[in-house]
Amino acid sequence: AFEYSDCWVDDSRLVVLNAVDASERGASIRTRTRCVRADRGEIWTLVLNARGRRETVTARALVNAAGPWVAEVNEFVLRRPSTPRVRLGKGSHIVVAKLFDHDRAYIFQNEDRRIVFAIPFERDFTLLGTTDEDFKGDLGSVTADEKEIQYLCNVSNDYVRHILTADDIVWSYSGVRALCDEESGKPEDATRDY
């Protein structure tokens, strides 16, 4: 057994605080604005669409931080292929009523050699996750499917006395991560080292 300390953050609050700090340092923060084209000359020229209004701005540097949409931005905004190629991996989590009465987390080793964690969450809950599978589809409607939910329940049931079923789930959430497509077989084998 081992123990290590970790922390958590409210990700949406962190984004807001970063935007406020950047604004205080002179950045222009543009919410609800889409970059529809970017051309590189001596400086970048960006065509923006802000609530139906087109605008052109310039920038000294451009960072494609579009997460799972990174390849779409490369193709449609920058009009260049993604190199290296991008592989999308979906991870899902489930939240259930508290499974144990302490503040420690568990890492469960599953038969398929993947790990699943069980973490105390928001005082009254336990967070279980994550799955790892290739994703193709609409990035705007990513959800935990029945197979993923059953997978997480089964792993927990191998280790925890309280037998979980889909009926025990308070809520679930999923996300898609952009990985470098190094043509590894299973999604969980794709390196996160970069």
N, C-alpha and C. Protein backbone atom coordinates (compact mmCIF):
# COMPACT_ATOMS: atom_id res chain seq x y z
N ALA A 1 0.85 -1.18 0.00
CA ALA A 1 0.00 0.00 0.00
C ALA A 1 0.89 1.23 0.00
N PHE A 2 0.33 2.33 -0.45
CA PHE A 2 1.06 3.58 -0.39
C PHE A 2 0.05 4.71 -0.25
N GLU A 3 0.54 5.86 0.13
CA GLU A 3 -0.33 7.01 0.26
C GLU A 3 0.39 8.21 -0.33
N TYR A 4 -0.36 9.04 -1.02
CA TYR A 4 0.21 10.31 -1.49
C TYR A 4 -0.87 11.36 -1.37
N SER A 5 -0.45 12.59 -1.30
CA SER A 5 -1.39 13.69 -1.20
C SER A 5 -1.68 14.24 -2.58
N ASP A 6 -2.90 14.66 -2.76
CA ASP A 6 -3.32 15.23 -4.03
C ASP A 6 -4.21 16.43 -3.71
N CYS A 7 -4.62 17.13 -4.70
CA CYS A 7 -5.51 18.26 -4.48
C CYS A 7 -6.52 18.31 -5.61
N TRP A 8 -7.51 19.14 -5.43
CA TRP A 8 -8.50 19.31 -6.49
C TRP A 8 -8.77 20.79 -6.67
N VAL A 9 -9.37 21.11 -7.79
CA VAL A 9 -9.66 22.50 -8.09
C VAL A 9 -11.00 22.57 -8.81
N ASP A 10 -11.71 23.65 -8.59
CA ASP A 10 -12.92 23.93 -9.35
C ASP A 10 -12.45 24.47 -10.69
N ASP A 11 -12.49 23.63 -11.74
CA ASP A 11 -11.88 24.00 -13.01
C ASP A 11 -12.52 25.24 -13.64
N SER A 12 -13.83 25.40 -13.54
CA SER A 12 -14.45 26.57 -14.16
C SER A 12 -14.02 27.85 -13.43
N ARG A 13 -13.88 27.77 -12.11
CA ARG A 13 -13.42 28.93 -11.34
C ARG A 13 -11.97 29.27 -11.70
N LEU A 14 -11.14 28.26 -11.90
CA LEU A 14 -9.75 28.48 -12.28
C LEU A 14 -9.66 29.21 -13.61
N VAL A 15 -10.52 28.83 -14.57
CA VAL A 15 -10.54 29.50 -15.87
C VAL A 15 -10.90 30.98 -15.69
N VAL A 16 -11.93 31.25 -14.89
CA VAL A 16 -12.35 32.63 -14.66
C VAL A 16 -11.22 33.44 -14.01
N LEU A 17 -10.58 32.87 -13.00
CA LEU A 17 -9.49 33.58 -12.32
C LEU A 17 -8.31 33.84 -13.26
N ASN A 18 -8.00 32.89 -14.13
CA ASN A 18 -6.95 33.11 -15.12
C ASN A 18 -7.32 34.22 -16.08
N ALA A 19 -8.57 34.25 -16.51
CA ALA A 19 -9.02 35.29 -17.43
C ALA A 19 -8.97 36.67 -16.76
N VAL A 20 -9.39 36.75 -15.51
CA VAL A 20 -9.34 38.01 -14.78
C VAL A 20 -7.90 38.49 -14.64
N ASP A 21 -7.00 37.58 -14.28
CA ASP A 21 -5.58 37.93 -14.13
C ASP A 21 -5.00 38.39 -15.46
N ALA A 22 -5.31 37.67 -16.54
CA ALA A 22 -4.81 38.06 -17.86
C ALA A 22 -5.33 39.43 -18.26
N SER A 23 -6.60 39.70 -17.97
CA SER A 23 -7.19 41.00 -18.29
C SER A 23 -6.49 42.11 -17.53
N GLU A 24 -6.18 41.87 -16.26
CA GLU A 24 -5.48 42.87 -15.45
C GLU A 24 -4.07 43.14 -15.97
N ARG A 25 -3.54 42.19 -16.75
CA ARG A 25 -2.21 42.36 -17.32
C ARG A 25 -2.26 42.82 -18.79
N GLY A 26 -3.45 43.21 -19.25
CA GLY A 26 -3.56 43.80 -20.58
C GLY A 26 -4.17 42.93 -21.65
N ALA A 27 -4.52 41.69 -21.35
CA ALA A 27 -5.12 40.81 -22.36
C ALA A 27 -6.56 41.22 -22.63
N SER A 28 -6.99 40.97 -23.84
CA SER A 28 -8.38 41.18 -24.22
C SER A 28 -9.09 39.84 -24.12
N ILE A 29 -10.09 39.75 -23.25
CA ILE A 29 -10.83 38.50 -23.03
C ILE A 29 -12.10 38.55 -23.87
N ARG A 30 -12.27 37.54 -24.71
CA ARG A 30 -13.42 37.54 -25.62
C ARG A 30 -14.21 36.24 -25.43
N THR A 31 -15.24 36.32 -24.64
CA THR A 31 -16.11 35.16 -24.46
C THR A 31 -17.09 35.08 -25.62
N ARG A 32 -17.62 33.91 -25.84
CA ARG A 32 -18.59 33.67 -26.91
C ARG A 32 -18.09 34.19 -28.26
N THR A 33 -16.79 34.00 -28.49
CA THR A 33 -16.17 34.43 -29.73
C THR A 33 -15.45 33.25 -30.34
N ARG A 34 -15.69 33.03 -31.62
CA ARG A 34 -15.06 31.91 -32.32
C ARG A 34 -14.06 32.44 -33.33
N CYS A 35 -12.88 31.84 -33.33
CA CYS A 35 -11.88 32.16 -34.35
C CYS A 35 -12.22 31.28 -35.56
N VAL A 36 -12.56 31.91 -36.68
CA VAL A 36 -12.99 31.15 -37.85
C VAL A 36 -11.89 31.03 -38.91
N ARG A 37 -10.85 31.85 -38.77
CA ARG A 37 -9.73 31.78 -39.71
C ARG A 37 -8.51 32.41 -39.06
N ALA A 38 -7.35 31.83 -39.34
CA ALA A 38 -6.10 32.39 -38.85
C ALA A 38 -5.05 32.27 -39.94
N ASP A 39 -4.44 33.39 -40.27
CA ASP A 39 -3.41 33.42 -41.30
C ASP A 39 -2.13 33.97 -40.70
N ARG A 40 -1.02 33.29 -41.03
CA ARG A 40 0.26 33.71 -40.48
C ARG A 40 1.07 34.47 -41.52
N GLY A 41 1.44 35.67 -41.16
CA GLY A 41 2.37 36.48 -41.93
C GLY A 41 3.48 36.84 -40.95
N GLU A 42 3.89 38.11 -40.97
CA GLU A 42 4.84 38.54 -39.94
C GLU A 42 4.18 38.48 -38.57
N ILE A 43 2.87 38.70 -38.54
CA ILE A 43 2.06 38.49 -37.35
C ILE A 43 0.83 37.68 -37.77
N TRP A 44 0.11 37.18 -36.80
CA TRP A 44 -1.11 36.42 -37.09
C TRP A 44 -2.26 37.40 -37.35
N THR A 45 -3.07 37.09 -38.35
CA THR A 45 -4.32 37.81 -38.59
C THR A 45 -5.44 36.82 -38.32
N LEU A 46 -6.30 37.17 -37.38
CA LEU A 46 -7.39 36.28 -36.97
C LEU A 46 -8.73 36.88 -37.36
N VAL A 47 -9.58 36.06 -37.95
CA VAL A 47 -10.95 36.47 -38.24
C VAL A 47 -11.83 35.85 -37.16
N LEU A 48 -12.54 36.72 -36.43
CA LEU A 48 -13.37 36.29 -35.31
C LEU A 48 -14.84 36.45 -35.65
N ASN A 49 -15.65 35.60 -35.06
CA ASN A 49 -17.10 35.72 -35.14
C ASN A 49 -17.60 35.84 -33.71
N ALA A 50 -18.06 37.04 -33.36
CA ALA A 50 -18.57 37.30 -32.01
C ALA A 50 -20.06 37.56 -32.10
N ARG A 51 -20.84 36.51 -31.80
CA ARG A 51 -22.30 36.62 -31.81
C ARG A 51 -22.82 37.13 -33.15
N GLY A 52 -22.25 36.58 -34.25
CA GLY A 52 -22.70 36.94 -35.58
C GLY A 52 -21.98 38.13 -36.19
N ARG A 53 -21.16 38.80 -35.43
CA ARG A 53 -20.42 39.97 -35.93
C ARG A 53 -18.99 39.57 -36.23
N ARG A 54 -18.54 39.80 -37.47
CA ARG A 54 -17.16 39.46 -37.86
C ARG A 54 -16.22 40.60 -37.52
N GLU A 55 -15.03 40.19 -37.10
CA GLU A 55 -14.03 41.17 -36.70
C GLU A 55 -12.65 40.60 -37.02
N THR A 56 -11.72 41.44 -37.39
CA THR A 56 -10.35 41.00 -37.66
C THR A 56 -9.43 41.61 -36.61
N VAL A 57 -8.57 40.77 -36.03
CA VAL A 57 -7.60 41.23 -35.04
C VAL A 57 -6.25 40.62 -35.38
N THR A 58 -5.20 41.12 -34.76
CA THR A 58 -3.86 40.57 -34.98
C THR A 58 -3.29 40.08 -33.65
N ALA A 59 -2.31 39.19 -33.77
CA ALA A 59 -1.65 38.63 -32.59
C ALA A 59 -0.21 38.29 -32.93
N ARG A 60 0.67 38.43 -31.95
CA ARG A 60 2.07 38.05 -32.16
C ARG A 60 2.26 36.55 -32.09
N ALA A 61 1.42 35.88 -31.30
CA ALA A 61 1.53 34.43 -31.12
C ALA A 61 0.13 33.83 -31.12
N LEU A 62 0.05 32.57 -31.50
CA LEU A 62 -1.22 31.85 -31.51
C LEU A 62 -0.99 30.48 -30.90
N VAL A 63 -1.82 30.13 -29.93
CA VAL A 63 -1.76 28.82 -29.29
C VAL A 63 -3.07 28.10 -29.57
N ASN A 64 -2.98 26.90 -30.13
CA ASN A 64 -4.17 26.09 -30.34
C ASN A 64 -4.38 25.27 -29.08
N ALA A 65 -5.23 25.79 -28.20
CA ALA A 65 -5.53 25.11 -26.94
C ALA A 65 -6.98 24.63 -26.95
N ALA A 66 -7.37 24.03 -28.07
CA ALA A 66 -8.76 23.65 -28.28
C ALA A 66 -9.10 22.26 -27.74
N GLY A 67 -8.17 21.64 -27.01
CA GLY A 67 -8.45 20.33 -26.44
C GLY A 67 -8.85 19.33 -27.50
N PRO A 68 -9.98 18.66 -27.32
CA PRO A 68 -10.37 17.64 -28.30
C PRO A 68 -10.74 18.22 -29.67
N TRP A 69 -10.91 19.52 -29.75
CA TRP A 69 -11.21 20.16 -31.03
C TRP A 69 -9.94 20.61 -31.75
N VAL A 70 -8.78 20.24 -31.23
CA VAL A 70 -7.50 20.72 -31.77
C VAL A 70 -7.35 20.38 -33.27
N ALA A 71 -7.73 19.19 -33.68
CA ALA A 71 -7.59 18.81 -35.08
C ALA A 71 -8.55 19.61 -35.97
N GLU A 72 -9.76 19.88 -35.48
CA GLU A 72 -10.71 20.69 -36.24
C GLU A 72 -10.19 22.11 -36.44
N VAL A 73 -9.59 22.68 -35.40
CA VAL A 73 -9.02 24.02 -35.52
C VAL A 73 -7.88 23.99 -36.54
N ASN A 74 -7.03 22.97 -36.45
CA ASN A 74 -5.94 22.86 -37.43
C ASN A 74 -6.49 22.80 -38.86
N GLU A 75 -7.50 21.97 -39.07
CA GLU A 75 -8.02 21.76 -40.42
C GLU A 75 -8.82 22.94 -40.95
N PHE A 76 -9.76 23.45 -40.15
CA PHE A 76 -10.72 24.44 -40.66
C PHE A 76 -10.32 25.89 -40.39
N VAL A 77 -9.56 26.15 -39.34
CA VAL A 77 -9.16 27.52 -39.03
C VAL A 77 -7.77 27.82 -39.57
N LEU A 78 -6.84 26.91 -39.30
CA LEU A 78 -5.46 27.10 -39.76
C LEU A 78 -5.23 26.53 -41.16
N ARG A 79 -6.15 25.65 -41.60
CA ARG A 79 -6.09 25.00 -42.90
C ARG A 79 -4.77 24.27 -43.12
N ARG A 80 -4.42 23.45 -42.12
CA ARG A 80 -3.22 22.62 -42.23
C ARG A 80 -3.49 21.31 -41.48
N PRO A 81 -2.84 20.24 -41.90
CA PRO A 81 -3.08 18.96 -41.23
C PRO A 81 -2.49 18.95 -39.82
N SER A 82 -3.09 18.14 -38.97
CA SER A 82 -2.56 17.98 -37.62
C SER A 82 -1.35 17.09 -37.67
N THR A 83 -0.24 17.59 -37.19
CA THR A 83 0.96 16.75 -37.07
C THR A 83 1.50 16.93 -35.67
N PRO A 84 1.63 15.94 -34.87
CA PRO A 84 1.23 14.58 -35.19
C PRO A 84 -0.29 14.44 -35.19
N ARG A 85 -0.76 13.31 -35.70
CA ARG A 85 -2.20 13.07 -35.75
C ARG A 85 -2.76 12.98 -34.33
N VAL A 86 -4.04 13.31 -34.21
CA VAL A 86 -4.70 13.34 -32.92
C VAL A 86 -5.61 12.12 -32.78
N ARG A 87 -5.56 11.51 -31.61
CA ARG A 87 -6.45 10.40 -31.27
C ARG A 87 -7.31 10.87 -30.10
N LEU A 88 -8.62 10.74 -30.23
CA LEU A 88 -9.52 11.17 -29.17
C LEU A 88 -9.85 10.00 -28.25
N GLY A 89 -9.68 10.23 -26.96
CA GLY A 89 -9.99 9.21 -25.96
C GLY A 89 -11.04 9.72 -24.99
N LYS A 90 -12.07 8.92 -24.78
CA LYS A 90 -13.15 9.31 -23.87
C LYS A 90 -12.94 8.66 -22.51
N GLY A 91 -13.11 9.43 -21.47
CA GLY A 91 -13.08 8.92 -20.10
C GLY A 91 -14.36 9.30 -19.39
N SER A 92 -14.95 8.34 -18.69
CA SER A 92 -16.20 8.61 -17.97
C SER A 92 -16.01 8.34 -16.49
N HIS A 93 -16.80 9.03 -15.69
CA HIS A 93 -16.77 8.91 -14.24
C HIS A 93 -18.20 8.77 -13.74
N ILE A 94 -18.34 8.11 -12.60
CA ILE A 94 -19.64 8.06 -11.94
C ILE A 94 -19.48 8.56 -10.51
N VAL A 95 -20.52 9.16 -10.00
CA VAL A 95 -20.55 9.64 -8.62
C VAL A 95 -21.67 8.90 -7.91
N VAL A 96 -21.32 8.31 -6.75
CA VAL A 96 -22.28 7.54 -5.96
C VAL A 96 -22.24 8.06 -4.52
N ALA A 97 -23.22 7.65 -3.73
CA ALA A 97 -23.20 8.00 -2.31
C ALA A 97 -21.91 7.49 -1.69
N LYS A 98 -21.45 8.13 -0.65
CA LYS A 98 -20.17 7.82 -0.02
C LYS A 98 -20.05 6.32 0.27
N LEU A 99 -18.93 5.74 -0.20
CA LEU A 99 -18.69 4.30 -0.03
C LEU A 99 -17.87 3.98 1.22
N PHE A 100 -17.18 4.97 1.79
CA PHE A 100 -16.35 4.73 2.97
C PHE A 100 -16.26 6.01 3.79
N ASP A 101 -16.04 5.86 5.08
CA ASP A 101 -16.08 6.99 6.01
C ASP A 101 -14.69 7.48 6.40
N HIS A 102 -13.89 7.84 5.43
CA HIS A 102 -12.59 8.46 5.69
C HIS A 102 -12.22 9.28 4.46
N ASP A 103 -11.10 9.98 4.54
CA ASP A 103 -10.74 10.88 3.45
C ASP A 103 -9.67 10.31 2.53
N ARG A 104 -9.51 9.00 2.52
CA ARG A 104 -8.51 8.36 1.67
C ARG A 104 -9.12 7.94 0.34
N ALA A 105 -8.27 7.88 -0.67
CA ALA A 105 -8.69 7.40 -1.98
C ALA A 105 -8.15 6.00 -2.20
N TYR A 106 -8.79 5.26 -3.06
CA TYR A 106 -8.33 3.92 -3.42
C TYR A 106 -8.02 3.86 -4.91
N ILE A 107 -7.06 3.03 -5.24
CA ILE A 107 -6.78 2.71 -6.63
C ILE A 107 -7.01 1.21 -6.78
N PHE A 108 -7.96 0.83 -7.61
CA PHE A 108 -8.30 -0.57 -7.82
C PHE A 108 -7.62 -1.07 -9.09
N GLN A 109 -6.92 -2.18 -8.98
CA GLN A 109 -6.30 -2.79 -10.16
C GLN A 109 -7.32 -3.76 -10.75
N ASN A 110 -7.71 -3.55 -11.99
CA ASN A 110 -8.71 -4.39 -12.62
C ASN A 110 -8.07 -5.55 -13.39
N GLU A 111 -8.87 -6.56 -13.71
CA GLU A 111 -8.37 -7.72 -14.45
C GLU A 111 -7.77 -7.35 -15.81
N ASP A 112 -8.29 -6.28 -16.42
CA ASP A 112 -7.79 -5.86 -17.74
C ASP A 112 -6.51 -5.02 -17.64
N ARG A 113 -5.93 -4.96 -16.44
CA ARG A 113 -4.68 -4.25 -16.15
C ARG A 113 -4.84 -2.73 -16.08
N ARG A 114 -6.07 -2.25 -16.19
CA ARG A 114 -6.34 -0.82 -16.00
C ARG A 114 -6.59 -0.57 -14.53
N ILE A 115 -6.42 0.69 -14.12
CA ILE A 115 -6.76 1.05 -12.75
C ILE A 115 -8.01 1.92 -12.76
N VAL A 116 -8.74 1.84 -11.67
CA VAL A 116 -9.90 2.68 -11.44
C VAL A 116 -9.73 3.27 -10.05
N PHE A 117 -10.00 4.54 -9.89
CA PHE A 117 -9.86 5.15 -8.58
C PHE A 117 -11.22 5.37 -7.95
N ALA A 118 -11.23 5.40 -6.62
CA ALA A 118 -12.40 5.75 -5.82
C ALA A 118 -11.94 6.86 -4.89
N ILE A 119 -12.48 8.05 -5.07
CA ILE A 119 -12.01 9.23 -4.35
C ILE A 119 -13.18 9.86 -3.58
N PRO A 120 -12.96 10.19 -2.30
CA PRO A 120 -13.99 10.95 -1.59
C PRO A 120 -14.28 12.24 -2.35
N PHE A 121 -15.56 12.59 -2.47
CA PHE A 121 -15.93 13.70 -3.34
C PHE A 121 -17.03 14.53 -2.69
N GLU A 122 -16.78 15.81 -2.52
CA GLU A 122 -17.80 16.73 -2.01
C GLU A 122 -18.49 16.21 -0.74
N ARG A 123 -17.74 15.72 0.19
CA ARG A 123 -18.17 15.26 1.52
C ARG A 123 -19.13 14.06 1.53
N ASP A 124 -20.13 14.04 0.68
CA ASP A 124 -21.17 13.02 0.77
C ASP A 124 -21.10 11.96 -0.32
N PHE A 125 -20.08 12.01 -1.17
CA PHE A 125 -20.06 11.15 -2.34
C PHE A 125 -18.70 10.49 -2.53
N THR A 126 -18.68 9.51 -3.44
CA THR A 126 -17.44 8.89 -3.92
C THR A 126 -17.44 9.00 -5.43
N LEU A 127 -16.31 9.42 -5.96
CA LEU A 127 -16.11 9.55 -7.40
C LEU A 127 -15.34 8.33 -7.87
N LEU A 128 -15.87 7.62 -8.86
CA LEU A 128 -15.23 6.45 -9.45
C LEU A 128 -14.90 6.72 -10.91
N GLY A 129 -13.69 6.39 -11.29
CA GLY A 129 -13.33 6.58 -12.70
C GLY A 129 -11.91 6.10 -12.93
N THR A 130 -11.48 6.04 -14.04
CA THR A 130 -12.14 6.49 -15.24
C THR A 130 -12.08 5.36 -16.26
N THR A 131 -12.92 5.47 -17.25
CA THR A 131 -12.84 4.54 -18.37
C THR A 131 -11.87 5.12 -19.39
N ASP A 132 -11.57 4.37 -20.41
CA ASP A 132 -10.65 4.85 -21.44
C ASP A 132 -10.99 4.14 -22.73
N GLU A 133 -11.62 4.86 -23.64
CA GLU A 133 -11.97 4.25 -24.92
C GLU A 133 -11.83 5.27 -26.04
N ASP A 134 -11.62 4.78 -27.24
CA ASP A 134 -11.54 5.68 -28.39
C ASP A 134 -12.88 6.38 -28.57
N PHE A 135 -12.82 7.61 -29.06
CA PHE A 135 -14.05 8.36 -29.26
C PHE A 135 -14.13 8.87 -30.68
N LYS A 136 -15.29 8.66 -31.27
CA LYS A 136 -15.65 9.26 -32.55
C LYS A 136 -17.10 9.69 -32.39
N GLY A 137 -17.39 10.88 -32.80
CA GLY A 137 -18.76 11.35 -32.67
C GLY A 137 -18.82 12.83 -32.36
N ASP A 138 -19.95 13.26 -31.88
CA ASP A 138 -20.23 14.66 -31.59
C ASP A 138 -19.61 15.05 -30.26
N LEU A 139 -18.61 15.92 -30.29
CA LEU A 139 -17.94 16.36 -29.06
C LEU A 139 -18.86 17.17 -28.16
N GLY A 140 -19.97 17.65 -28.68
CA GLY A 140 -20.91 18.41 -27.87
C GLY A 140 -21.88 17.56 -27.08
N SER A 141 -21.85 16.25 -27.28
CA SER A 141 -22.80 15.39 -26.56
C SER A 141 -22.11 14.12 -26.06
N VAL A 142 -21.10 14.30 -25.25
CA VAL A 142 -20.33 13.18 -24.71
C VAL A 142 -20.96 12.76 -23.38
N THR A 143 -21.31 11.49 -23.28
CA THR A 143 -21.90 10.97 -22.05
C THR A 143 -21.34 9.59 -21.74
N ALA A 144 -21.47 9.20 -20.49
CA ALA A 144 -21.09 7.85 -20.08
C ALA A 144 -22.13 6.88 -20.62
N ASP A 145 -21.68 5.87 -21.35
CA ASP A 145 -22.65 4.91 -21.87
C ASP A 145 -22.84 3.76 -20.88
N GLU A 146 -23.82 2.93 -21.18
CA GLU A 146 -24.20 1.82 -20.28
C GLU A 146 -23.03 0.88 -20.01
N LYS A 147 -22.23 0.62 -21.03
CA LYS A 147 -21.09 -0.29 -20.89
C LYS A 147 -20.05 0.29 -19.92
N GLU A 148 -19.78 1.57 -20.02
CA GLU A 148 -18.82 2.22 -19.12
C GLU A 148 -19.33 2.23 -17.68
N ILE A 149 -20.59 2.52 -17.51
CA ILE A 149 -21.18 2.54 -16.17
C ILE A 149 -21.08 1.15 -15.54
N GLN A 150 -21.41 0.12 -16.30
CA GLN A 150 -21.32 -1.25 -15.78
C GLN A 150 -19.88 -1.62 -15.45
N TYR A 151 -18.95 -1.20 -16.28
CA TYR A 151 -17.52 -1.46 -16.05
C TYR A 151 -17.09 -0.88 -14.71
N LEU A 152 -17.42 0.40 -14.45
CA LEU A 152 -17.02 1.03 -13.20
C LEU A 152 -17.70 0.40 -11.99
N CYS A 153 -18.97 0.05 -12.13
CA CYS A 153 -19.66 -0.65 -11.03
C CYS A 153 -19.00 -2.00 -10.76
N ASN A 154 -18.69 -2.75 -11.81
CA ASN A 154 -18.07 -4.07 -11.63
C ASN A 154 -16.72 -3.98 -10.93
N VAL A 155 -15.90 -3.02 -11.33
CA VAL A 155 -14.59 -2.88 -10.69
C VAL A 155 -14.77 -2.56 -9.21
N SER A 156 -15.65 -1.61 -8.89
CA SER A 156 -15.90 -1.28 -7.49
C SER A 156 -16.42 -2.50 -6.73
N ASN A 157 -17.30 -3.26 -7.35
CA ASN A 157 -17.88 -4.42 -6.68
C ASN A 157 -16.85 -5.50 -6.36
N ASP A 158 -15.73 -5.51 -7.08
CA ASP A 158 -14.66 -6.46 -6.77
C ASP A 158 -13.92 -6.09 -5.50
N TYR A 159 -14.04 -4.84 -5.04
CA TYR A 159 -13.24 -4.36 -3.91
C TYR A 159 -14.04 -3.83 -2.73
N VAL A 160 -15.24 -3.33 -2.97
CA VAL A 160 -16.01 -2.65 -1.93
C VAL A 160 -17.22 -3.50 -1.56
N ARG A 161 -17.54 -3.54 -0.28
CA ARG A 161 -18.65 -4.37 0.19
C ARG A 161 -20.00 -3.96 -0.38
N HIS A 162 -20.24 -2.66 -0.47
CA HIS A 162 -21.52 -2.19 -0.99
C HIS A 162 -21.56 -2.46 -2.50
N ILE A 163 -22.46 -3.31 -2.93
CA ILE A 163 -22.57 -3.67 -4.35
C ILE A 163 -23.28 -2.54 -5.09
N LEU A 164 -22.59 -2.00 -6.08
CA LEU A 164 -23.14 -0.90 -6.87
C LEU A 164 -23.87 -1.41 -8.10
N THR A 165 -24.95 -0.73 -8.42
CA THR A 165 -25.65 -0.92 -9.70
C THR A 165 -25.85 0.45 -10.32
N ALA A 166 -26.33 0.49 -11.53
CA ALA A 166 -26.58 1.76 -12.20
C ALA A 166 -27.57 2.62 -11.42
N ASP A 167 -28.44 1.99 -10.65
CA ASP A 167 -29.42 2.74 -9.85
C ASP A 167 -28.78 3.55 -8.73
N ASP A 168 -27.55 3.21 -8.35
CA ASP A 168 -26.86 3.93 -7.27
C ASP A 168 -26.18 5.21 -7.75
N ILE A 169 -26.15 5.42 -9.04
CA ILE A 169 -25.41 6.57 -9.58
C ILE A 169 -26.21 7.85 -9.36
N VAL A 170 -25.55 8.82 -8.71
CA VAL A 170 -26.16 10.12 -8.47
C VAL A 170 -26.02 10.97 -9.73
N TRP A 171 -24.84 10.96 -10.32
CA TRP A 171 -24.63 11.57 -11.62
C TRP A 171 -23.37 11.00 -12.24
N SER A 172 -23.23 11.24 -13.52
CA SER A 172 -22.02 10.80 -14.23
C SER A 172 -21.58 11.93 -15.15
N TYR A 173 -20.33 11.87 -15.54
CA TYR A 173 -19.85 12.83 -16.52
C TYR A 173 -18.73 12.20 -17.33
N SER A 174 -18.51 12.77 -18.48
CA SER A 174 -17.50 12.24 -19.41
C SER A 174 -16.74 13.39 -20.02
N GLY A 175 -15.54 13.10 -20.45
CA GLY A 175 -14.74 14.08 -21.15
C GLY A 175 -13.96 13.40 -22.25
N VAL A 176 -13.50 14.19 -23.19
CA VAL A 176 -12.70 13.67 -24.29
C VAL A 176 -11.35 14.37 -24.24
N ARG A 177 -10.30 13.56 -24.27
CA ARG A 177 -8.94 14.11 -24.24
C ARG A 177 -8.30 13.91 -25.61
N ALA A 178 -7.49 14.88 -25.99
CA ALA A 178 -6.74 14.78 -27.25
C ALA A 178 -5.40 14.13 -26.94
N LEU A 179 -5.13 13.01 -27.60
CA LEU A 179 -3.88 12.28 -27.41
C LEU A 179 -3.12 12.25 -28.73
N CYS A 180 -1.82 12.10 -28.63
CA CYS A 180 -1.00 11.94 -29.81
C CYS A 180 -1.25 10.54 -30.37
N ASP A 181 -1.64 10.43 -31.62
CA ASP A 181 -1.93 9.13 -32.22
C ASP A 181 -0.64 8.46 -32.65
N GLU A 182 -0.13 7.64 -31.77
CA GLU A 182 1.10 6.91 -32.07
C GLU A 182 0.79 5.50 -32.54
N GLU A 183 -0.50 5.28 -32.87
CA GLU A 183 -0.99 4.01 -33.41
C GLU A 183 -0.81 2.84 -32.46
N SER A 184 -0.95 3.11 -31.16
CA SER A 184 -0.95 2.02 -30.18
C SER A 184 -2.31 1.34 -30.27
N GLY A 185 -2.36 0.10 -29.84
CA GLY A 185 -3.59 -0.67 -29.98
C GLY A 185 -4.74 -0.14 -29.16
N LYS A 186 -4.66 -0.26 -27.85
CA LYS A 186 -5.75 0.14 -26.97
C LYS A 186 -5.58 1.60 -26.56
N PRO A 187 -6.69 2.30 -26.32
CA PRO A 187 -6.60 3.71 -25.95
C PRO A 187 -5.75 3.93 -24.69
N GLU A 188 -5.85 3.03 -23.73
CA GLU A 188 -5.09 3.22 -22.48
C GLU A 188 -3.58 3.06 -22.68
N ASP A 189 -3.18 2.48 -23.83
CA ASP A 189 -1.75 2.33 -24.12
C ASP A 189 -1.15 3.58 -24.75
N ALA A 190 -1.98 4.50 -25.20
CA ALA A 190 -1.48 5.75 -25.79
C ALA A 190 -0.81 6.57 -24.70
N THR A 191 0.42 6.96 -24.95
CA THR A 191 1.19 7.65 -23.92
C THR A 191 0.60 9.02 -23.59
N ARG A 192 0.76 9.39 -22.33
CA ARG A 192 0.40 10.73 -21.87
C ARG A 192 1.67 11.52 -21.55
N ASP A 193 2.83 10.95 -21.89
CA ASP A 193 4.11 11.54 -21.52
C ASP A 193 4.34 12.90 -22.13
N TYR A 194 3.87 13.14 -23.36
CA TYR A 194 4.13 14.40 -24.01
C TYR A 194 3.40 15.52 -23.32
